[in-house]
Amino acid sequence: MYNFSVTVEQIIYQVKQAMIQVIQLAQKRGSRGIYLCGHSAGGQLAAMMLCVDWSVEGVDCPDRIKGAALLSGIYDLRPLVKTYVNDPLKMTEESAWKNSPMCYIEKSGNLSKSREVLVVVAQHDSPEFKRQSEKYQTVNNSY
């Protein structure tokens, strides 16, 4: 029997490792830039990648990440803690905040000054998705 339990921290780590490979491949091929895109939880993961100082990760990629399209993302995971969505994730308030892009919005904003970050919500998205997207966009643009 397989154990499919995984933490949000592990998922973010895996995405970061994949991004390192993408960045290295882009450098090798002479790419002019990388654009990230994600929907819902993918929006959260893409936004978390905007918070990474890649030089600290040992990757030389000044200005390689040009922008992101974040579609109906969740930027503060804390509201999920008391919902069924958290049953397999087992997040605490602390771990939910630690894995939320809003926790690192200042870092993201400073790293993304030259990036184009598009934050999108759909007409029929929940009020919480709309609230979080508006707040993320507003705060990110203030840097």
N, C-alpha and C. Protein backbone atom coordinates (compact mmCIF):
# COMPACT_ATOMS: atom_id res chain seq x y z
N MET A 1 0.84 -1.17 0.00
CA MET A 1 0.00 0.00 0.00
C MET A 1 0.89 1.25 0.00
N TYR A 2 0.48 2.23 -0.77
CA TYR A 2 1.24 3.46 -0.89
C TYR A 2 0.80 4.48 0.16
N ASN A 3 1.74 5.28 0.62
CA ASN A 3 1.44 6.38 1.53
C ASN A 3 1.53 7.67 0.72
N PHE A 4 0.39 8.27 0.49
CA PHE A 4 0.36 9.48 -0.33
C PHE A 4 0.40 10.76 0.51
N SER A 5 0.63 10.63 1.80
CA SER A 5 0.66 11.83 2.63
C SER A 5 1.94 12.61 2.35
N VAL A 6 1.78 13.87 2.20
CA VAL A 6 2.90 14.76 1.92
C VAL A 6 2.57 16.10 2.56
N THR A 7 3.58 16.79 3.02
CA THR A 7 3.35 18.10 3.63
C THR A 7 3.48 19.20 2.59
N VAL A 8 2.93 20.34 2.92
CA VAL A 8 3.05 21.50 2.03
C VAL A 8 4.52 21.88 1.90
N GLU A 9 5.27 21.75 2.99
CA GLU A 9 6.71 22.05 2.95
C GLU A 9 7.41 21.16 1.93
N GLN A 10 7.06 19.89 1.90
CA GLN A 10 7.67 18.97 0.95
C GLN A 10 7.31 19.33 -0.49
N ILE A 11 6.07 19.73 -0.71
CA ILE A 11 5.64 20.12 -2.06
C ILE A 11 6.41 21.36 -2.52
N ILE A 12 6.52 22.34 -1.63
CA ILE A 12 7.26 23.57 -1.98
C ILE A 12 8.72 23.23 -2.27
N TYR A 13 9.31 22.36 -1.48
CA TYR A 13 10.70 21.94 -1.72
C TYR A 13 10.83 21.28 -3.09
N GLN A 14 9.89 20.40 -3.44
CA GLN A 14 9.93 19.72 -4.73
C GLN A 14 9.80 20.70 -5.89
N VAL A 15 8.92 21.68 -5.73
CA VAL A 15 8.75 22.69 -6.79
C VAL A 15 10.03 23.52 -6.91
N LYS A 16 10.62 23.85 -5.78
CA LYS A 16 11.88 24.61 -5.80
C LYS A 16 12.98 23.82 -6.53
N GLN A 17 13.07 22.53 -6.26
CA GLN A 17 14.06 21.69 -6.93
C GLN A 17 13.79 21.63 -8.44
N ALA A 18 12.52 21.54 -8.81
CA ALA A 18 12.16 21.54 -10.23
C ALA A 18 12.52 22.88 -10.88
N MET A 19 12.28 23.97 -10.15
CA MET A 19 12.62 25.30 -10.68
C MET A 19 14.12 25.44 -10.90
N ILE A 20 14.92 24.87 -10.03
CA ILE A 20 16.38 24.91 -10.22
C ILE A 20 16.73 24.25 -11.55
N GLN A 21 16.11 23.13 -11.83
CA GLN A 21 16.36 22.44 -13.11
C GLN A 21 15.90 23.29 -14.30
N VAL A 22 14.74 23.92 -14.17
CA VAL A 22 14.21 24.77 -15.24
C VAL A 22 15.14 25.96 -15.48
N ILE A 23 15.58 26.59 -14.40
CA ILE A 23 16.48 27.75 -14.52
C ILE A 23 17.79 27.34 -15.18
N GLN A 24 18.35 26.22 -14.77
CA GLN A 24 19.61 25.75 -15.36
C GLN A 24 19.44 25.41 -16.84
N LEU A 25 18.32 24.79 -17.19
CA LEU A 25 18.06 24.48 -18.59
C LEU A 25 17.88 25.76 -19.41
N ALA A 26 17.17 26.73 -18.84
CA ALA A 26 16.98 28.01 -19.53
C ALA A 26 18.32 28.70 -19.77
N GLN A 27 19.21 28.65 -18.78
CA GLN A 27 20.54 29.24 -18.94
C GLN A 27 21.32 28.51 -20.03
N LYS A 28 21.27 27.19 -19.99
CA LYS A 28 22.01 26.37 -20.96
C LYS A 28 21.54 26.65 -22.38
N ARG A 29 20.24 26.84 -22.55
CA ARG A 29 19.67 27.07 -23.88
C ARG A 29 19.66 28.54 -24.29
N GLY A 30 20.10 29.41 -23.40
CA GLY A 30 20.14 30.84 -23.73
C GLY A 30 18.77 31.51 -23.72
N SER A 31 17.87 30.98 -22.95
CA SER A 31 16.53 31.55 -22.88
C SER A 31 16.58 32.99 -22.35
N ARG A 32 15.69 33.80 -22.87
CA ARG A 32 15.62 35.19 -22.42
C ARG A 32 14.83 35.34 -21.13
N GLY A 33 14.10 34.32 -20.73
CA GLY A 33 13.36 34.45 -19.48
C GLY A 33 12.40 33.31 -19.22
N ILE A 34 11.97 33.26 -17.97
CA ILE A 34 11.04 32.24 -17.50
C ILE A 34 9.82 32.96 -16.94
N TYR A 35 8.65 32.47 -17.29
CA TYR A 35 7.40 32.97 -16.72
C TYR A 35 6.72 31.83 -15.99
N LEU A 36 6.26 32.10 -14.80
CA LEU A 36 5.58 31.10 -13.99
C LEU A 36 4.08 31.27 -14.14
N CYS A 37 3.35 30.18 -14.00
CA CYS A 37 1.90 30.25 -14.04
C CYS A 37 1.35 29.17 -13.13
N GLY A 38 0.29 29.51 -12.40
CA GLY A 38 -0.34 28.52 -11.55
C GLY A 38 -1.76 28.91 -11.23
N HIS A 39 -2.60 27.90 -11.04
CA HIS A 39 -4.00 28.10 -10.70
C HIS A 39 -4.28 27.48 -9.34
N SER A 40 -4.99 28.19 -8.48
CA SER A 40 -5.39 27.72 -7.16
C SER A 40 -4.15 27.37 -6.34
N ALA A 41 -3.98 26.10 -5.95
CA ALA A 41 -2.77 25.72 -5.20
C ALA A 41 -1.52 25.96 -6.05
N GLY A 42 -1.65 25.84 -7.37
CA GLY A 42 -0.53 26.14 -8.26
C GLY A 42 -0.17 27.62 -8.22
N GLY A 43 -1.16 28.48 -8.02
CA GLY A 43 -0.91 29.91 -7.86
C GLY A 43 -0.11 30.17 -6.59
N GLN A 44 -0.46 29.45 -5.53
CA GLN A 44 0.28 29.55 -4.28
C GLN A 44 1.73 29.11 -4.50
N LEU A 45 1.92 28.00 -5.19
CA LEU A 45 3.27 27.49 -5.42
C LEU A 45 4.08 28.44 -6.31
N ALA A 46 3.47 28.97 -7.36
CA ALA A 46 4.17 29.92 -8.22
C ALA A 46 4.54 31.18 -7.44
N ALA A 47 3.62 31.66 -6.61
CA ALA A 47 3.89 32.85 -5.78
C ALA A 47 5.03 32.56 -4.80
N MET A 48 5.08 31.35 -4.26
CA MET A 48 6.18 30.99 -3.35
C MET A 48 7.51 31.01 -4.09
N MET A 49 7.52 30.65 -5.37
CA MET A 49 8.77 30.67 -6.14
C MET A 49 9.23 32.11 -6.39
N LEU A 50 8.30 33.06 -6.39
CA LEU A 50 8.69 34.47 -6.53
C LEU A 50 9.39 34.98 -5.28
N CYS A 51 9.25 34.27 -4.16
CA CYS A 51 9.86 34.66 -2.89
C CYS A 51 11.28 34.13 -2.73
N VAL A 52 11.70 33.26 -3.62
CA VAL A 52 13.00 32.60 -3.47
C VAL A 52 14.12 33.51 -3.99
N ASP A 53 15.11 33.70 -3.16
CA ASP A 53 16.33 34.36 -3.60
C ASP A 53 17.22 33.25 -4.16
N TRP A 54 17.21 33.12 -5.45
CA TRP A 54 17.86 31.98 -6.10
C TRP A 54 19.36 31.97 -5.89
N SER A 55 19.97 33.13 -5.67
CA SER A 55 21.42 33.15 -5.40
C SER A 55 21.73 32.44 -4.09
N VAL A 56 20.84 32.53 -3.12
CA VAL A 56 21.01 31.81 -1.85
C VAL A 56 20.91 30.30 -2.08
N GLU A 57 20.13 29.92 -3.10
CA GLU A 57 19.98 28.50 -3.44
C GLU A 57 21.13 27.99 -4.31
N GLY A 58 22.10 28.87 -4.59
CA GLY A 58 23.25 28.46 -5.39
C GLY A 58 23.00 28.50 -6.89
N VAL A 59 21.97 29.23 -7.31
CA VAL A 59 21.63 29.32 -8.73
C VAL A 59 21.86 30.76 -9.18
N ASP A 60 22.72 30.92 -10.15
CA ASP A 60 23.02 32.24 -10.70
C ASP A 60 22.02 32.54 -11.81
N CYS A 61 21.01 33.33 -11.48
CA CYS A 61 19.99 33.61 -12.50
C CYS A 61 19.45 35.04 -12.36
N PRO A 62 20.33 36.02 -12.36
CA PRO A 62 19.81 37.38 -12.19
C PRO A 62 18.78 37.71 -13.27
N ASP A 63 17.62 38.08 -12.83
CA ASP A 63 16.52 38.50 -13.70
C ASP A 63 16.07 37.44 -14.70
N ARG A 64 16.34 36.18 -14.45
CA ARG A 64 15.91 35.11 -15.36
C ARG A 64 14.39 34.92 -15.28
N ILE A 65 13.83 35.03 -14.07
CA ILE A 65 12.38 34.91 -13.91
C ILE A 65 11.77 36.27 -14.21
N LYS A 66 11.06 36.34 -15.32
CA LYS A 66 10.54 37.61 -15.83
C LYS A 66 9.17 37.97 -15.27
N GLY A 67 8.39 36.96 -14.87
CA GLY A 67 7.07 37.28 -14.37
C GLY A 67 6.26 36.05 -14.05
N ALA A 68 5.00 36.31 -13.69
CA ALA A 68 4.11 35.20 -13.32
C ALA A 68 2.67 35.59 -13.58
N ALA A 69 1.88 34.58 -13.90
CA ALA A 69 0.42 34.72 -13.98
C ALA A 69 -0.14 33.83 -12.88
N LEU A 70 -0.73 34.46 -11.88
CA LEU A 70 -1.27 33.76 -10.72
C LEU A 70 -2.78 33.78 -10.82
N LEU A 71 -3.37 32.62 -11.05
CA LEU A 71 -4.80 32.51 -11.35
C LEU A 71 -5.55 31.92 -10.17
N SER A 72 -6.41 32.72 -9.57
CA SER A 72 -7.23 32.26 -8.44
C SER A 72 -6.38 31.54 -7.40
N GLY A 73 -5.26 32.14 -7.06
CA GLY A 73 -4.35 31.52 -6.10
C GLY A 73 -4.81 31.72 -4.67
N ILE A 74 -4.24 30.92 -3.80
CA ILE A 74 -4.46 31.10 -2.37
C ILE A 74 -3.14 31.54 -1.77
N TYR A 75 -3.13 32.74 -1.23
CA TYR A 75 -1.89 33.38 -0.80
C TYR A 75 -1.73 33.39 0.72
N ASP A 76 -2.78 33.01 1.43
CA ASP A 76 -2.74 32.83 2.88
C ASP A 76 -3.45 31.52 3.17
N LEU A 77 -2.68 30.52 3.57
CA LEU A 77 -3.23 29.18 3.77
C LEU A 77 -3.96 29.01 5.11
N ARG A 78 -3.84 29.97 6.01
CA ARG A 78 -4.44 29.80 7.33
C ARG A 78 -5.94 29.54 7.32
N PRO A 79 -6.74 30.14 6.44
CA PRO A 79 -8.17 29.82 6.44
C PRO A 79 -8.47 28.35 6.13
N LEU A 80 -7.52 27.64 5.55
CA LEU A 80 -7.73 26.23 5.22
C LEU A 80 -7.57 25.30 6.42
N VAL A 81 -6.91 25.77 7.47
CA VAL A 81 -6.57 24.91 8.60
C VAL A 81 -7.79 24.23 9.20
N LYS A 82 -8.89 24.93 9.29
CA LYS A 82 -10.09 24.37 9.94
C LYS A 82 -11.09 23.82 8.93
N THR A 83 -10.62 23.47 7.73
CA THR A 83 -11.51 22.91 6.72
C THR A 83 -11.08 21.49 6.37
N TYR A 84 -11.93 20.80 5.66
CA TYR A 84 -11.63 19.43 5.22
C TYR A 84 -10.42 19.38 4.29
N VAL A 85 -10.13 20.47 3.62
CA VAL A 85 -8.99 20.52 2.70
C VAL A 85 -7.69 20.23 3.46
N ASN A 86 -7.67 20.58 4.73
CA ASN A 86 -6.47 20.40 5.54
C ASN A 86 -6.34 18.97 6.09
N ASP A 87 -7.37 18.16 5.97
CA ASP A 87 -7.30 16.80 6.53
C ASP A 87 -6.05 16.05 6.08
N PRO A 88 -5.75 15.98 4.79
CA PRO A 88 -4.53 15.25 4.40
C PRO A 88 -3.24 16.05 4.63
N LEU A 89 -3.36 17.37 4.69
CA LEU A 89 -2.17 18.23 4.82
C LEU A 89 -1.71 18.39 6.26
N LYS A 90 -2.66 18.36 7.19
CA LYS A 90 -2.37 18.46 8.62
C LYS A 90 -1.57 19.71 8.98
N MET A 91 -1.94 20.83 8.37
CA MET A 91 -1.26 22.09 8.67
C MET A 91 -1.73 22.64 10.01
N THR A 92 -0.84 23.27 10.72
CA THR A 92 -1.18 24.06 11.89
C THR A 92 -1.29 25.51 11.42
N GLU A 93 -1.77 26.38 12.29
CA GLU A 93 -1.81 27.81 11.94
C GLU A 93 -0.40 28.29 11.58
N GLU A 94 0.58 27.85 12.38
CA GLU A 94 1.97 28.26 12.16
C GLU A 94 2.52 27.75 10.83
N SER A 95 2.32 26.46 10.55
CA SER A 95 2.86 25.92 9.29
C SER A 95 2.10 26.48 8.09
N ALA A 96 0.81 26.73 8.25
CA ALA A 96 0.04 27.32 7.15
C ALA A 96 0.58 28.71 6.82
N TRP A 97 0.87 29.51 7.83
CA TRP A 97 1.41 30.85 7.59
C TRP A 97 2.80 30.77 6.99
N LYS A 98 3.63 29.87 7.50
CA LYS A 98 5.00 29.71 7.00
C LYS A 98 5.03 29.34 5.52
N ASN A 99 3.99 28.69 5.04
CA ASN A 99 3.92 28.26 3.64
C ASN A 99 3.00 29.12 2.80
N SER A 100 2.70 30.29 3.29
CA SER A 100 1.82 31.22 2.59
C SER A 100 2.63 32.33 1.92
N PRO A 101 2.38 32.61 0.65
CA PRO A 101 3.09 33.70 -0.02
C PRO A 101 2.94 35.05 0.70
N MET A 102 1.81 35.29 1.37
CA MET A 102 1.64 36.57 2.07
C MET A 102 2.65 36.73 3.19
N CYS A 103 3.14 35.64 3.74
CA CYS A 103 4.15 35.70 4.80
C CYS A 103 5.46 36.31 4.28
N TYR A 104 5.68 36.18 2.99
CA TYR A 104 6.94 36.62 2.37
C TYR A 104 6.71 37.73 1.35
N ILE A 105 5.59 38.43 1.47
CA ILE A 105 5.21 39.40 0.44
C ILE A 105 6.24 40.52 0.30
N GLU A 106 6.87 40.95 1.38
CA GLU A 106 7.88 42.00 1.26
C GLU A 106 9.07 41.49 0.45
N LYS A 107 9.52 40.29 0.76
CA LYS A 107 10.63 39.68 0.01
C LYS A 107 10.25 39.51 -1.45
N SER A 108 9.05 38.98 -1.68
CA SER A 108 8.57 38.78 -3.05
C SER A 108 8.48 40.11 -3.79
N GLY A 109 7.93 41.11 -3.13
CA GLY A 109 7.80 42.42 -3.76
C GLY A 109 9.15 43.01 -4.14
N ASN A 110 10.11 42.89 -3.24
CA ASN A 110 11.45 43.40 -3.52
C ASN A 110 12.15 42.62 -4.63
N LEU A 111 11.96 41.30 -4.65
CA LEU A 111 12.58 40.48 -5.70
C LEU A 111 11.87 40.64 -7.04
N SER A 112 10.61 41.08 -7.00
CA SER A 112 9.80 41.13 -8.21
C SER A 112 9.64 42.53 -8.79
N LYS A 113 10.46 43.47 -8.37
CA LYS A 113 10.32 44.85 -8.85
C LYS A 113 10.38 44.94 -10.37
N SER A 114 11.21 44.12 -10.99
CA SER A 114 11.33 44.18 -12.45
C SER A 114 10.52 43.08 -13.14
N ARG A 115 9.72 42.36 -12.38
CA ARG A 115 8.91 41.28 -12.95
C ARG A 115 7.49 41.75 -13.18
N GLU A 116 6.87 41.16 -14.17
CA GLU A 116 5.44 41.40 -14.39
C GLU A 116 4.68 40.29 -13.68
N VAL A 117 3.89 40.66 -12.67
CA VAL A 117 3.11 39.68 -11.92
C VAL A 117 1.64 40.01 -12.12
N LEU A 118 0.96 39.11 -12.78
CA LEU A 118 -0.46 39.26 -13.07
C LEU A 118 -1.24 38.38 -12.09
N VAL A 119 -2.12 39.01 -11.32
CA VAL A 119 -2.95 38.28 -10.36
C VAL A 119 -4.38 38.35 -10.88
N VAL A 120 -4.97 37.17 -11.10
CA VAL A 120 -6.28 37.08 -11.74
C VAL A 120 -7.23 36.26 -10.88
N VAL A 121 -8.49 36.69 -10.80
CA VAL A 121 -9.55 35.89 -10.20
C VAL A 121 -10.69 35.81 -11.20
N ALA A 122 -11.47 34.76 -11.09
CA ALA A 122 -12.60 34.58 -11.99
C ALA A 122 -13.87 35.22 -11.40
N GLN A 123 -14.78 35.53 -12.25
CA GLN A 123 -16.03 36.18 -11.84
C GLN A 123 -16.75 35.42 -10.74
N HIS A 124 -16.76 34.11 -10.82
CA HIS A 124 -17.52 33.31 -9.86
C HIS A 124 -16.66 32.66 -8.79
N ASP A 125 -15.41 33.12 -8.63
CA ASP A 125 -14.58 32.63 -7.53
C ASP A 125 -15.20 33.05 -6.21
N SER A 126 -14.84 32.34 -5.16
CA SER A 126 -15.38 32.64 -3.82
C SER A 126 -14.89 34.01 -3.36
N PRO A 127 -15.62 34.62 -2.45
CA PRO A 127 -15.18 35.90 -1.90
C PRO A 127 -13.78 35.82 -1.28
N GLU A 128 -13.43 34.67 -0.69
CA GLU A 128 -12.10 34.53 -0.07
C GLU A 128 -11.00 34.55 -1.12
N PHE A 129 -11.21 33.87 -2.25
CA PHE A 129 -10.22 33.93 -3.33
C PHE A 129 -10.07 35.37 -3.83
N LYS A 130 -11.18 36.05 -3.99
CA LYS A 130 -11.14 37.44 -4.47
C LYS A 130 -10.43 38.33 -3.46
N ARG A 131 -10.76 38.17 -2.17
CA ARG A 131 -10.13 38.99 -1.12
C ARG A 131 -8.62 38.77 -1.10
N GLN A 132 -8.21 37.50 -1.11
CA GLN A 132 -6.78 37.21 -1.04
C GLN A 132 -6.03 37.70 -2.28
N SER A 133 -6.63 37.54 -3.44
CA SER A 133 -5.98 38.00 -4.67
C SER A 133 -5.82 39.51 -4.68
N GLU A 134 -6.86 40.21 -4.25
CA GLU A 134 -6.79 41.68 -4.22
C GLU A 134 -5.73 42.13 -3.22
N LYS A 135 -5.71 41.51 -2.05
CA LYS A 135 -4.72 41.90 -1.05
C LYS A 135 -3.30 41.59 -1.52
N TYR A 136 -3.10 40.42 -2.10
CA TYR A 136 -1.77 40.04 -2.59
C TYR A 136 -1.30 41.04 -3.65
N GLN A 137 -2.18 41.33 -4.62
CA GLN A 137 -1.83 42.26 -5.70
C GLN A 137 -1.49 43.64 -5.14
N THR A 138 -2.32 44.13 -4.24
CA THR A 138 -2.14 45.47 -3.69
C THR A 138 -0.82 45.56 -2.92
N VAL A 139 -0.57 44.61 -2.04
CA VAL A 139 0.64 44.65 -1.24
C VAL A 139 1.88 44.42 -2.13
N ASN A 140 1.81 43.47 -3.04
CA ASN A 140 2.94 43.19 -3.93
C ASN A 140 3.30 44.41 -4.77
N ASN A 141 2.28 45.14 -5.22
CA ASN A 141 2.53 46.33 -6.04
C ASN A 141 3.09 47.50 -5.24
N SER A 142 3.01 47.44 -3.93
CA SER A 142 3.49 48.56 -3.12
C SER A 142 5.01 48.58 -2.98
N TYR A 143 5.67 47.56 -3.47
CA TYR A 143 7.14 47.49 -3.34
C TYR A 143 7.84 47.95 -4.59
